[in-house]
């Protein structure tokens, strides 16, 4: 059981090979944490709606997102601030208007798979 961490090596396995495959499948704990945080962003229906709208419409302004999703301008701005801090969207300023687009290939991939089903 070469992949079992030392602190768990004393525990008995039924199938050592399967345990090692399971550990390999889990991968790096930091990667698991990053995916968990990403899924946490997507777990909110409002944020998910915003991301789906941004993905479909391309660069889009806050007021247009609010109109499209039925979420208030203030709530859209707050959600976009969180999504921007997480690296899911980016903002581009055109004069006085700020337009948002997806910036994360991971988010784009997840949304593509979501809408394909």
PDB file of N, CA and C in Angstrom:
ATOM      1  N   UNK A   1       0.852  -1.173   0.000  1.00  0.00           N
ATOM      2  CA  UNK A   1       0.000   0.000   0.000  1.00  0.00           C
ATOM      3  C   UNK A   1       0.901   1.239   0.000  1.00  0.00           C
ATOM      4  N   UNK A   2       1.551   1.430  -1.106  1.00  0.00           N
ATOM      5  CA  UNK A   2       2.560   2.470  -1.212  1.00  0.00           C
ATOM      6  C   UNK A   2       1.997   3.894  -1.218  1.00  0.00           C
ATOM      7  N   UNK A   3       0.714   4.091  -1.493  1.00  0.00           N
ATOM      8  CA  UNK A   3       0.142   5.430  -1.526  1.00  0.00           C
ATOM      9  C   UNK A   3      -0.540   5.839  -0.224  1.00  0.00           C
ATOM     10  N   UNK A   4      -0.705   4.920   0.694  1.00  0.00           N
ATOM     11  CA  UNK A   4      -1.369   5.220   1.959  1.00  0.00           C
ATOM     12  C   UNK A   4      -0.428   6.080   2.813  1.00  0.00           C
ATOM     13  N   UNK A   5      -0.911   7.233   3.288  1.00  0.00           N
ATOM     14  CA  UNK A   5      -0.074   8.077   4.146  1.00  0.00           C
ATOM     15  C   UNK A   5       0.335   7.337   5.419  1.00  0.00           C
ATOM     16  N   UNK A   6       1.467   7.717   5.955  1.00  0.00           N
ATOM     17  CA  UNK A   6       2.030   7.042   7.130  1.00  0.00           C
ATOM     18  C   UNK A   6       1.058   7.004   8.297  1.00  0.00           C
ATOM     19  N   UNK A   7       0.295   8.071   8.487  1.00  0.00           N
ATOM     20  CA  UNK A   7      -0.625   8.110   9.636  1.00  0.00           C
ATOM     21  C   UNK A   7      -1.792   7.130   9.499  1.00  0.00           C
ATOM     22  N   UNK A   8      -1.982   6.562   8.319  1.00  0.00           N
ATOM     23  CA  UNK A   8      -3.052   5.570   8.119  1.00  0.00           C
ATOM     24  C   UNK A   8      -2.504   4.185   7.796  1.00  0.00           C
ATOM     25  N   UNK A   9      -1.199   4.035   7.767  1.00  0.00           N
ATOM     26  CA  UNK A   9      -0.570   2.775   7.360  1.00  0.00           C
ATOM     27  C   UNK A   9      -0.881   1.621   8.309  1.00  0.00           C
ATOM     28  N   UNK A  10      -1.234   1.888   9.533  1.00  0.00           N
ATOM     29  CA  UNK A  10      -1.527   0.834  10.516  1.00  0.00           C
ATOM     30  C   UNK A  10      -2.904   0.193  10.294  1.00  0.00           C
ATOM     31  N   UNK A  11      -3.747   0.828   9.485  1.00  0.00           N
ATOM     32  CA  UNK A  11      -5.100   0.307   9.265  1.00  0.00           C
ATOM     33  C   UNK A  11      -5.069  -0.822   8.238  1.00  0.00           C
ATOM     34  N   UNK A  12      -5.948  -1.769   8.430  1.00  0.00           N
ATOM     35  CA  UNK A  12      -6.013  -2.957   7.578  1.00  0.00           C
ATOM     36  C   UNK A  12      -6.875  -2.680   6.343  1.00  0.00           C
ATOM     37  N   UNK A  13      -6.396  -3.119   5.192  1.00  0.00           N
ATOM     38  CA  UNK A  13      -7.145  -2.975   3.946  1.00  0.00           C
ATOM     39  C   UNK A  13      -7.669  -4.332   3.500  1.00  0.00           C
ATOM     40  N   UNK A  14      -8.832  -4.342   2.897  1.00  0.00           N
ATOM     41  CA  UNK A  14      -9.370  -5.573   2.325  1.00  0.00           C
ATOM     42  C   UNK A  14      -8.689  -5.842   0.988  1.00  0.00           C
ATOM     43  N   UNK A  15      -8.534  -4.794   0.166  1.00  0.00           N
ATOM     44  CA  UNK A  15      -7.882  -4.920  -1.131  1.00  0.00           C
ATOM     45  C   UNK A  15      -6.906  -3.761  -1.293  1.00  0.00           C
ATOM     46  N   UNK A  16      -5.645  -4.008  -1.018  1.00  0.00           N
ATOM     47  CA  UNK A  16      -4.632  -2.956  -1.018  1.00  0.00           C
ATOM     48  C   UNK A  16      -4.526  -2.252  -2.370  1.00  0.00           C
ATOM     49  N   UNK A  17      -4.643  -3.011  -3.441  1.00  0.00           N
ATOM     50  CA  UNK A  17      -4.543  -2.423  -4.779  1.00  0.00           C
ATOM     51  C   UNK A  17      -5.682  -1.419  -5.018  1.00  0.00           C
ATOM     52  N   UNK A  18      -6.888  -1.764  -4.587  1.00  0.00           N
ATOM     53  CA  UNK A  18      -8.043  -0.879  -4.754  1.00  0.00           C
ATOM     54  C   UNK A  18      -7.879   0.387  -3.916  1.00  0.00           C
ATOM     55  N   UNK A  19      -7.314   0.249  -2.721  1.00  0.00           N
ATOM     56  CA  UNK A  19      -7.068   1.414  -1.873  1.00  0.00           C
ATOM     57  C   UNK A  19      -6.112   2.371  -2.584  1.00  0.00           C
ATOM     58  N   UNK A  20      -5.050   1.851  -3.154  1.00  0.00           N
ATOM     59  CA  UNK A  20      -4.086   2.696  -3.869  1.00  0.00           C
ATOM     60  C   UNK A  20      -4.731   3.359  -5.089  1.00  0.00           C
ATOM     61  N   UNK A  21      -5.574   2.634  -5.807  1.00  0.00           N
ATOM     62  CA  UNK A  21      -6.282   3.232  -6.952  1.00  0.00           C
ATOM     63  C   UNK A  21      -7.200   4.355  -6.488  1.00  0.00           C
ATOM     64  N   UNK A  22      -7.879   4.153  -5.359  1.00  0.00           N
ATOM     65  CA  UNK A  22      -8.776   5.180  -4.821  1.00  0.00           C
ATOM     66  C   UNK A  22      -7.993   6.423  -4.420  1.00  0.00           C
ATOM     67  N   UNK A  23      -6.858   6.241  -3.777  1.00  0.00           N
ATOM     68  CA  UNK A  23      -6.017   7.374  -3.379  1.00  0.00           C
ATOM     69  C   UNK A  23      -5.514   8.120  -4.609  1.00  0.00           C
ATOM     70  N   UNK A  24      -5.084   7.386  -5.611  1.00  0.00           N
ATOM     71  CA  UNK A  24      -4.621   8.017  -6.855  1.00  0.00           C
ATOM     72  C   UNK A  24      -5.762   8.781  -7.529  1.00  0.00           C
ATOM     73  N   UNK A  25      -6.972   8.237  -7.463  1.00  0.00           N
ATOM     74  CA  UNK A  25      -8.132   8.895  -8.060  1.00  0.00           C
ATOM     75  C   UNK A  25      -8.498  10.195  -7.363  1.00  0.00           C
ATOM     76  N   UNK A  26      -8.279  10.251  -6.065  1.00  0.00           N
ATOM     77  CA  UNK A  26      -8.555  11.474  -5.309  1.00  0.00           C
ATOM     78  C   UNK A  26      -7.571  12.561  -5.709  1.00  0.00           C
ATOM     79  N   UNK A  27      -6.336  12.197  -5.874  1.00  0.00           N
ATOM     80  CA  UNK A  27      -5.321  13.158  -6.298  1.00  0.00           C
ATOM     81  C   UNK A  27      -4.848  14.062  -5.178  1.00  0.00           C
ATOM     82  N   UNK A  28      -4.282  15.171  -5.585  1.00  0.00           N
ATOM     83  CA  UNK A  28      -3.693  16.139  -4.675  1.00  0.00           C
ATOM     84  C   UNK A  28      -4.765  16.816  -3.822  1.00  0.00           C
ATOM     85  N   UNK A  29      -4.605  16.832  -2.500  1.00  0.00           N
ATOM     86  CA  UNK A  29      -5.597  17.485  -1.636  1.00  0.00           C
ATOM     87  C   UNK A  29      -5.838  18.954  -1.988  1.00  0.00           C
ATOM     88  N   UNK A  30      -4.822  19.659  -2.429  1.00  0.00           N
ATOM     89  CA  UNK A  30      -5.000  21.067  -2.821  1.00  0.00           C
ATOM     90  C   UNK A  30      -5.904  21.167  -4.046  1.00  0.00           C
ATOM     91  N   UNK A  31      -5.761  20.236  -4.961  1.00  0.00           N
ATOM     92  CA  UNK A  31      -6.629  20.213  -6.142  1.00  0.00           C
ATOM     93  C   UNK A  31      -8.073  19.908  -5.769  1.00  0.00           C
ATOM     94  N   UNK A  32      -8.266  19.000  -4.846  1.00  0.00           N
ATOM     95  CA  UNK A  32      -9.615  18.667  -4.370  1.00  0.00           C
ATOM     96  C   UNK A  32     -10.240  19.897  -3.716  1.00  0.00           C
ATOM     97  N   UNK A  33      -9.443  20.602  -2.925  1.00  0.00           N
ATOM     98  CA  UNK A  33      -9.930  21.812  -2.258  1.00  0.00           C
ATOM     99  C   UNK A  33     -10.316  22.880  -3.283  1.00  0.00           C
ATOM    100  N   UNK A  34      -9.506  23.047  -4.327  1.00  0.00           N
ATOM    101  CA  UNK A  34      -9.794  24.043  -5.369  1.00  0.00           C
ATOM    102  C   UNK A  34     -11.089  23.705  -6.107  1.00  0.00           C
ATOM    103  N   UNK A  35     -11.282  22.429  -6.448  1.00  0.00           N
ATOM    104  CA  UNK A  35     -12.526  22.032  -7.116  1.00  0.00           C
ATOM    105  C   UNK A  35     -13.713  22.234  -6.189  1.00  0.00           C
ATOM    106  N   UNK A  36     -13.542  21.932  -4.902  1.00  0.00           N
ATOM    107  CA  UNK A  36     -14.616  22.108  -3.939  1.00  0.00           C
ATOM    108  C   UNK A  36     -15.028  23.576  -3.850  1.00  0.00           C
ATOM    109  N   UNK A  37     -14.046  24.474  -3.835  1.00  0.00           N
ATOM    110  CA  UNK A  37     -14.349  25.900  -3.803  1.00  0.00           C
ATOM    111  C   UNK A  37     -15.077  26.334  -5.068  1.00  0.00           C
ATOM    112  N   UNK A  38     -14.665  25.797  -6.212  1.00  0.00           N
ATOM    113  CA  UNK A  38     -15.332  26.126  -7.468  1.00  0.00           C
ATOM    114  C   UNK A  38     -16.774  25.644  -7.450  1.00  0.00           C
ATOM    115  N   UNK A  39     -16.995  24.427  -6.989  1.00  0.00           N
ATOM    116  CA  UNK A  39     -18.364  23.922  -6.898  1.00  0.00           C
ATOM    117  C   UNK A  39     -19.184  24.740  -5.907  1.00  0.00           C
ATOM    118  N   UNK A  40     -18.539  25.261  -4.868  1.00  0.00           N
ATOM    119  CA  UNK A  40     -19.218  26.134  -3.921  1.00  0.00           C
ATOM    120  C   UNK A  40     -19.718  27.407  -4.599  1.00  0.00           C
ATOM    121  N   UNK A  41     -18.911  27.956  -5.508  1.00  0.00           N
ATOM    122  CA  UNK A  41     -19.341  29.130  -6.274  1.00  0.00           C
ATOM    123  C   UNK A  41     -20.562  28.809  -7.129  1.00  0.00           C
ATOM    124  N   UNK A  42     -20.557  27.628  -7.708  1.00  0.00           N
ATOM    125  CA  UNK A  42     -21.639  27.227  -8.604  1.00  0.00           C
ATOM    126  C   UNK A  42     -22.882  26.761  -7.858  1.00  0.00           C
ATOM    127  N   UNK A  43     -22.762  26.526  -6.558  1.00  0.00           N
ATOM    128  CA  UNK A  43     -23.876  25.978  -5.778  1.00  0.00           C
ATOM    129  C   UNK A  43     -24.991  26.984  -5.545  1.00  0.00           C
ATOM    130  N   UNK A  44     -24.716  28.266  -5.698  1.00  0.00           N
ATOM    131  CA  UNK A  44     -25.734  29.292  -5.498  1.00  0.00           C
ATOM    132  C   UNK A  44     -26.490  29.517  -6.811  1.00  0.00           C
ATOM    133  N   UNK A  45     -27.821  29.392  -6.812  1.00  0.00           N
ATOM    134  CA  UNK A  45     -28.589  29.549  -8.058  1.00  0.00           C
ATOM    135  C   UNK A  45     -28.397  30.917  -8.726  1.00  0.00           C
ATOM    136  N   UNK A  46     -28.255  31.963  -7.931  1.00  0.00           N
ATOM    137  CA  UNK A  46     -28.050  33.291  -8.505  1.00  0.00           C
ATOM    138  C   UNK A  46     -26.715  33.394  -9.226  1.00  0.00           C
ATOM    139  N   UNK A  47     -25.648  32.945  -8.564  1.00  0.00           N
ATOM    140  CA  UNK A  47     -24.320  32.981  -9.208  1.00  0.00           C
ATOM    141  C   UNK A  47     -24.285  32.085 -10.424  1.00  0.00           C
ATOM    142  N   UNK A  48     -24.907  30.914 -10.330  1.00  0.00           N
ATOM    143  CA  UNK A  48     -24.929  30.012 -11.477  1.00  0.00           C
ATOM    144  C   UNK A  48     -25.681  30.650 -12.641  1.00  0.00           C
ATOM    145  N   UNK A  49     -26.798  31.294 -12.365  1.00  0.00           N
ATOM    146  CA  UNK A  49     -27.549  31.993 -13.416  1.00  0.00           C
ATOM    147  C   UNK A  49     -26.701  33.076 -14.066  1.00  0.00           C
ATOM    148  N   UNK A  50     -25.997  33.829 -13.247  1.00  0.00           N
ATOM    149  CA  UNK A  50     -25.132  34.879 -13.785  1.00  0.00           C
ATOM    150  C   UNK A  50     -24.042  34.301 -14.678  1.00  0.00           C
ATOM    151  N   UNK A  51     -23.412  33.234 -14.222  1.00  0.00           N
ATOM    152  CA  UNK A  51     -22.354  32.618 -15.025  1.00  0.00           C
ATOM    153  C   UNK A  51     -22.886  32.069 -16.340  1.00  0.00           C
ATOM    154  N   UNK A  52     -24.062  31.445 -16.299  1.00  0.00           N
ATOM    155  CA  UNK A  52     -24.667  30.933 -17.532  1.00  0.00           C
ATOM    156  C   UNK A  52     -24.982  32.074 -18.493  1.00  0.00           C
ATOM    157  N   UNK A  53     -25.484  33.182 -17.954  1.00  0.00           N
ATOM    158  CA  UNK A  53     -25.801  34.343 -18.793  1.00  0.00           C
ATOM    159  C   UNK A  53     -24.536  34.951 -19.378  1.00  0.00           C
ATOM    160  N   UNK A  54     -23.505  35.090 -18.563  1.00  0.00           N
ATOM    161  CA  UNK A  54     -22.234  35.640 -19.045  1.00  0.00           C
ATOM    162  C   UNK A  54     -21.649  34.744 -20.124  1.00  0.00           C
ATOM    163  N   UNK A  55     -21.718  33.444 -19.911  1.00  0.00           N
ATOM    164  CA  UNK A  55     -21.176  32.505 -20.904  1.00  0.00           C
ATOM    165  C   UNK A  55     -21.933  32.622 -22.227  1.00  0.00           C
ATOM    166  N   UNK A  56     -23.238  32.778 -22.177  1.00  0.00           N
ATOM    167  CA  UNK A  56     -24.051  32.859 -23.395  1.00  0.00           C
ATOM    168  C   UNK A  56     -23.924  34.179 -24.121  1.00  0.00           C
ATOM    169  N   UNK A  57     -23.889  35.267 -23.355  1.00  0.00           N
ATOM    170  CA  UNK A  57     -23.978  36.595 -23.950  1.00  0.00           C
ATOM    171  C   UNK A  57     -22.625  37.242 -24.215  1.00  0.00           C
ATOM    172  N   UNK A  58     -21.554  36.625 -23.723  1.00  0.00           N
ATOM    173  CA  UNK A  58     -20.261  37.262 -23.910  1.00  0.00           C
ATOM    174  C   UNK A  58     -20.116  38.452 -22.989  1.00  0.00           C
ATOM    175  N   UNK A  59     -19.280  39.407 -23.314  1.00  0.00           N
ATOM    176  CA  UNK A  59     -19.161  40.566 -22.431  1.00  0.00           C
ATOM    177  C   UNK A  59     -20.522  41.247 -22.254  1.00  0.00           C
ATOM    178  N   UNK A  60     -20.934  41.386 -20.982  1.00  0.00           N
ATOM    179  CA  UNK A  60     -22.269  41.904 -20.687  1.00  0.00           C
ATOM    180  C   UNK A  60     -22.204  42.790 -19.444  1.00  0.00           C
ATOM    181  N   UNK A  61     -22.982  43.862 -19.457  1.00  0.00           N
ATOM    182  CA  UNK A  61     -23.005  44.838 -18.366  1.00  0.00           C
ATOM    183  C   UNK A  61     -23.854  44.342 -17.197  1.00  0.00           C
ATOM    184  N   UNK A  62     -23.580  44.900 -16.027  1.00  0.00           N
ATOM    185  CA  UNK A  62     -24.296  44.531 -14.798  1.00  0.00           C
ATOM    186  C   UNK A  62     -25.799  44.731 -14.952  1.00  0.00           C
ATOM    187  N   UNK A  63     -26.217  45.875 -15.464  1.00  0.00           N
ATOM    188  CA  UNK A  63     -27.654  46.155 -15.588  1.00  0.00           C
ATOM    189  C   UNK A  63     -28.319  45.173 -16.559  1.00  0.00           C
ATOM    190  N   UNK A  64     -27.615  44.779 -17.601  1.00  0.00           N
ATOM    191  CA  UNK A  64     -28.168  43.798 -18.536  1.00  0.00           C
ATOM    192  C   UNK A  64     -28.260  42.416 -17.891  1.00  0.00           C
ATOM    193  N   UNK A  65     -27.263  42.073 -17.068  1.00  0.00           N
ATOM    194  CA  UNK A  65     -27.329  40.806 -16.330  1.00  0.00           C
ATOM    195  C   UNK A  65     -28.485  40.814 -15.349  1.00  0.00           C
ATOM    196  N   UNK A  66     -28.700  41.940 -14.690  1.00  0.00           N
ATOM    197  CA  UNK A  66     -29.810  42.055 -13.739  1.00  0.00           C
ATOM    198  C   UNK A  66     -31.138  41.868 -14.458  1.00  0.00           C
ATOM    199  N   UNK A  67     -31.268  42.488 -15.617  1.00  0.00           N
ATOM    200  CA  UNK A  67     -32.498  42.360 -16.399  1.00  0.00           C
ATOM    201  C   UNK A  67     -32.692  40.926 -16.868  1.00  0.00           C
ATOM    202  N   UNK A  68     -31.636  40.295 -17.347  1.00  0.00           N
ATOM    203  CA  UNK A  68     -31.721  38.928 -17.872  1.00  0.00           C
ATOM    204  C   UNK A  68     -32.036  37.902 -16.789  1.00  0.00           C
ATOM    205  N   UNK A  69     -31.481  38.099 -15.592  1.00  0.00           N
ATOM    206  CA  UNK A  69     -31.635  37.092 -14.529  1.00  0.00           C
ATOM    207  C   UNK A  69     -32.755  37.398 -13.542  1.00  0.00           C
ATOM    208  N   UNK A  70     -33.230  38.643 -13.523  1.00  0.00           N
ATOM    209  CA  UNK A  70     -34.243  39.017 -12.545  1.00  0.00           C
ATOM    210  C   UNK A  70     -33.679  39.283 -11.168  1.00  0.00           C
ATOM    211  N   UNK A  71     -32.367  39.431 -11.085  1.00  0.00           N
ATOM    212  CA  UNK A  71     -31.680  39.720  -9.825  1.00  0.00           C
ATOM    213  C   UNK A  71     -31.416  41.224  -9.787  1.00  0.00           C
ATOM    214  N   UNK A  72     -31.498  41.828  -8.610  1.00  0.00           N
ATOM    215  CA  UNK A  72     -31.278  43.274  -8.512  1.00  0.00           C
ATOM    216  C   UNK A  72     -29.852  43.648  -8.923  1.00  0.00           C
ATOM    217  N   UNK A  73     -29.706  44.888  -9.397  1.00  0.00           N
ATOM    218  CA  UNK A  73     -28.381  45.375  -9.800  1.00  0.00           C
ATOM    219  C   UNK A  73     -27.369  45.233  -8.662  1.00  0.00           C
ATOM    220  N   UNK A  74     -27.798  45.555  -7.449  1.00  0.00           N
ATOM    221  CA  UNK A  74     -26.906  45.481  -6.292  1.00  0.00           C
ATOM    222  C   UNK A  74     -26.462  44.047  -6.035  1.00  0.00           C
ATOM    223  N   UNK A  75     -27.402  43.110  -6.081  1.00  0.00           N
ATOM    224  CA  UNK A  75     -27.076  41.695  -5.849  1.00  0.00           C
ATOM    225  C   UNK A  75     -26.178  41.159  -6.957  1.00  0.00           C
ATOM    226  N   UNK A  76     -26.422  41.589  -8.198  1.00  0.00           N
ATOM    227  CA  UNK A  76     -25.572  41.175  -9.319  1.00  0.00           C
ATOM    228  C   UNK A  76     -24.155  41.686  -9.099  1.00  0.00           C
ATOM    229  N   UNK A  77     -24.023  42.939  -8.721  1.00  0.00           N
ATOM    230  CA  UNK A  77     -22.696  43.516  -8.477  1.00  0.00           C
ATOM    231  C   UNK A  77     -21.956  42.771  -7.371  1.00  0.00           C
ATOM    232  N   UNK A  78     -22.668  42.450  -6.293  1.00  0.00           N
ATOM    233  CA  UNK A  78     -22.040  41.715  -5.185  1.00  0.00           C
ATOM    234  C   UNK A  78     -21.592  40.325  -5.634  1.00  0.00           C
ATOM    235  N   UNK A  79     -22.449  39.633  -6.378  1.00  0.00           N
ATOM    236  CA  UNK A  79     -22.102  38.289  -6.849  1.00  0.00           C
ATOM    237  C   UNK A  79     -20.926  38.355  -7.818  1.00  0.00           C
ATOM    238  N   UNK A  80     -20.931  39.336  -8.707  1.00  0.00           N
ATOM    239  CA  UNK A  80     -19.834  39.477  -9.666  1.00  0.00           C
ATOM    240  C   UNK A  80     -18.519  39.806  -8.953  1.00  0.00           C
ATOM    241  N   UNK A  81     -18.585  40.567  -7.879  1.00  0.00           N
ATOM    242  CA  UNK A  81     -17.375  40.856  -7.100  1.00  0.00           C
ATOM    243  C   UNK A  81     -16.788  39.559  -6.559  1.00  0.00           C
ATOM    244  N   UNK A  82     -17.643  38.687  -6.040  1.00  0.00           N
ATOM    245  CA  UNK A  82     -17.194  37.395  -5.528  1.00  0.00           C
ATOM    246  C   UNK A  82     -16.645  36.524  -6.655  1.00  0.00           C
ATOM    247  N   UNK A  83     -17.361  36.459  -7.769  1.00  0.00           N
ATOM    248  CA  UNK A  83     -16.928  35.646  -8.910  1.00  0.00           C
ATOM    249  C   UNK A  83     -15.616  36.172  -9.498  1.00  0.00           C
ATOM    250  N   UNK A  84     -15.466  37.481  -9.474  1.00  0.00           N
ATOM    251  CA  UNK A  84     -14.225  38.085  -9.982  1.00  0.00           C
ATOM    252  C   UNK A  84     -13.054  37.753  -9.053  1.00  0.00           C
ATOM    253  N   UNK A  85     -13.278  37.856  -7.749  1.00  0.00           N
ATOM    254  CA  UNK A  85     -12.231  37.532  -6.772  1.00  0.00           C
ATOM    255  C   UNK A  85     -11.804  36.071  -6.879  1.00  0.00           C
ATOM    256  N   UNK A  86     -12.748  35.207  -7.254  1.00  0.00           N
ATOM    257  CA  UNK A  86     -12.448  33.777  -7.410  1.00  0.00           C
ATOM    258  C   UNK A  86     -11.821  33.467  -8.767  1.00  0.00           C
ATOM    259  N   UNK A  87     -11.750  34.462  -9.647  1.00  0.00           N
ATOM    260  CA  UNK A  87     -11.142  34.248 -10.955  1.00  0.00           C
ATOM    261  C   UNK A  87     -12.068  33.641 -11.985  1.00  0.00           C
ATOM    262  N   UNK A  88     -13.365  33.619 -11.703  1.00  0.00           N
ATOM    263  CA  UNK A  88     -14.322  33.019 -12.639  1.00  0.00           C
ATOM    264  C   UNK A  88     -14.703  33.974 -13.768  1.00  0.00           C
ATOM    265  N   UNK A  89     -14.739  35.281 -13.461  1.00  0.00           N
ATOM    266  CA  UNK A  89     -15.078  36.282 -14.477  1.00  0.00           C
ATOM    267  C   UNK A  89     -14.037  37.398 -14.447  1.00  0.00           C
ATOM    268  N   UNK A  90     -14.004  38.145 -15.534  1.00  0.00           N
ATOM    269  CA  UNK A  90     -13.147  39.329 -15.595  1.00  0.00           C
ATOM    270  C   UNK A  90     -13.997  40.509 -16.038  1.00  0.00           C
ATOM    271  N   UNK A  91     -13.564  41.692 -15.651  1.00  0.00           N
ATOM    272  CA  UNK A  91     -14.281  42.917 -15.988  1.00  0.00           C
ATOM    273  C   UNK A  91     -13.458  43.734 -16.971  1.00  0.00           C
ATOM    274  N   UNK A  92     -14.161  44.281 -17.952  1.00  0.00           N
ATOM    275  CA  UNK A  92     -13.517  45.168 -18.921  1.00  0.00           C
ATOM    276  C   UNK A  92     -14.328  46.451 -18.965  1.00  0.00           C
ATOM    277  N   UNK A  93     -13.646  47.559 -18.736  1.00  0.00           N
ATOM    278  CA  UNK A  93     -14.329  48.841 -18.700  1.00  0.00           C
ATOM    279  C   UNK A  93     -14.325  49.468 -20.088  1.00  0.00           C
ATOM    280  N   UNK A  94     -15.519  49.893 -20.527  1.00  0.00           N
ATOM    281  CA  UNK A  94     -15.692  50.608 -21.796  1.00  0.00           C
ATOM    282  C   UNK A  94     -16.352  51.933 -21.458  1.00  0.00           C
ATOM    283  N   UNK A  95     -15.560  52.969 -21.296  1.00  0.00           N
ATOM    284  CA  UNK A  95     -16.113  54.243 -20.847  1.00  0.00           C
ATOM    285  C   UNK A  95     -16.623  54.095 -19.430  1.00  0.00           C
ATOM    286  N   UNK A  96     -17.915  54.365 -19.228  1.00  0.00           N
ATOM    287  CA  UNK A  96     -18.521  54.224 -17.899  1.00  0.00           C
ATOM    288  C   UNK A  96     -19.139  52.849 -17.679  1.00  0.00           C
ATOM    289  N   UNK A  97     -19.149  52.022 -18.707  1.00  0.00           N
ATOM    290  CA  UNK A  97     -19.793  50.708 -18.618  1.00  0.00           C
ATOM    291  C   UNK A  97     -18.738  49.626 -18.388  1.00  0.00           C
ATOM    292  N   UNK A  98     -19.012  48.755 -17.417  1.00  0.00           N
ATOM    293  CA  UNK A  98     -18.147  47.608 -17.140  1.00  0.00           C
ATOM    294  C   UNK A  98     -18.863  46.367 -17.649  1.00  0.00           C
ATOM    295  N   UNK A  99     -18.186  45.625 -18.499  1.00  0.00           N
ATOM    296  CA  UNK A  99     -18.751  44.389 -19.048  1.00  0.00           C
ATOM    297  C   UNK A  99     -17.973  43.194 -18.495  1.00  0.00           C
ATOM    298  N   UNK A 100     -18.722  42.140 -18.228  1.00  0.00           N
ATOM    299  CA  UNK A 100     -18.135  40.934 -17.639  1.00  0.00           C
ATOM    300  C   UNK A 100     -18.126  39.794 -18.639  1.00  0.00           C
ATOM    301  N   UNK A 101     -17.050  39.004 -18.574  1.00  0.00           N
ATOM    302  CA  UNK A 101     -16.943  37.794 -19.390  1.00  0.00           C
ATOM    303  C   UNK A 101     -16.265  36.715 -18.553  1.00  0.00           C
ATOM    304  N   UNK A 102     -16.386  35.473 -18.986  1.00  0.00           N
ATOM    305  CA  UNK A 102     -15.747  34.369 -18.263  1.00  0.00           C
ATOM    306  C   UNK A 102     -14.239  34.477 -18.417  1.00  0.00           C
ATOM    307  N   UNK A 103     -13.530  34.155 -17.355  1.00  0.00           N
ATOM    308  CA  UNK A 103     -12.068  34.166 -17.422  1.00  0.00           C
ATOM    309  C   UNK A 103     -11.463  32.819 -17.048  1.00  0.00           C
ATOM    310  N   UNK A 104     -12.300  31.893 -16.589  1.00  0.00           N
ATOM    311  CA  UNK A 104     -11.801  30.599 -16.131  1.00  0.00           C
ATOM    312  C   UNK A 104     -12.175  29.487 -17.109  1.00  0.00           C
ATOM    313  N   UNK A 105     -11.178  28.838 -17.697  1.00  0.00           N
ATOM    314  CA  UNK A 105     -11.481  27.686 -18.560  1.00  0.00           C
ATOM    315  C   UNK A 105     -12.210  26.565 -17.810  1.00  0.00           C
ATOM    316  N   UNK A 106     -11.908  26.394 -16.531  1.00  0.00           N
ATOM    317  CA  UNK A 106     -12.590  25.365 -15.735  1.00  0.00           C
ATOM    318  C   UNK A 106     -14.080  25.660 -15.619  1.00  0.00           C
ATOM    319  N   UNK A 107     -14.408  26.924 -15.327  1.00  0.00           N
ATOM    320  CA  UNK A 107     -15.818  27.315 -15.220  1.00  0.00           C
ATOM    321  C   UNK A 107     -16.497  27.152 -16.566  1.00  0.00           C
ATOM    322  N   UNK A 108     -15.834  27.578 -17.625  1.00  0.00           N
ATOM    323  CA  UNK A 108     -16.402  27.437 -18.967  1.00  0.00           C
ATOM    324  C   UNK A 108     -16.680  25.973 -19.290  1.00  0.00           C
ATOM    325  N   UNK A 109     -15.743  25.095 -18.970  1.00  0.00           N
ATOM    326  CA  UNK A 109     -15.911  23.664 -19.223  1.00  0.00           C
ATOM    327  C   UNK A 109     -17.098  23.095 -18.434  1.00  0.00           C
ATOM    328  N   UNK A 110     -17.198  23.459 -17.154  1.00  0.00           N
ATOM    329  CA  UNK A 110     -18.306  22.964 -16.335  1.00  0.00           C
ATOM    330  C   UNK A 110     -19.648  23.455 -16.861  1.00  0.00           C
ATOM    331  N   UNK A 111     -19.714  24.743 -17.231  1.00  0.00           N
ATOM    332  CA  UNK A 111     -20.965  25.296 -17.749  1.00  0.00           C
ATOM    333  C   UNK A 111     -21.329  24.661 -19.092  1.00  0.00           C
ATOM    334  N   UNK A 112     -20.334  24.402 -19.935  1.00  0.00           N
ATOM    335  CA  UNK A 112     -20.582  23.743 -21.219  1.00  0.00           C
ATOM    336  C   UNK A 112     -21.173  22.359 -21.004  1.00  0.00           C
ATOM    337  N   UNK A 113     -20.619  21.619 -20.039  1.00  0.00           N
ATOM    338  CA  UNK A 113     -21.146  20.286 -19.741  1.00  0.00           C
ATOM    339  C   UNK A 113     -22.538  20.361 -19.133  1.00  0.00           C
ATOM    340  N   UNK A 114     -22.777  21.375 -18.342  1.00  0.00           N
ATOM    341  CA  UNK A 114     -24.080  21.562 -17.714  1.00  0.00           C
ATOM    342  C   UNK A 114     -25.157  21.825 -18.763  1.00  0.00           C
ATOM    343  N   UNK A 115     -24.848  22.683 -19.704  1.00  0.00           N
ATOM    344  CA  UNK A 115     -25.854  23.059 -20.717  1.00  0.00           C
ATOM    345  C   UNK A 115     -25.981  22.024 -21.821  1.00  0.00           C
ATOM    346  N   UNK A 116     -25.033  21.113 -21.936  1.00  0.00           N
ATOM    347  CA  UNK A 116     -25.089  20.095 -22.982  1.00  0.00           C
ATOM    348  C   UNK A 116     -26.085  18.995 -22.641  1.00  0.00           C
ATOM    349  N   UNK A 117     -26.418  18.861 -21.361  1.00  0.00           N
ATOM    350  CA  UNK A 117     -27.311  17.758 -20.967  1.00  0.00           C
ATOM    351  C   UNK A 117     -28.754  18.139 -20.964  1.00  0.00           C
TER     352      UNK A 117
END
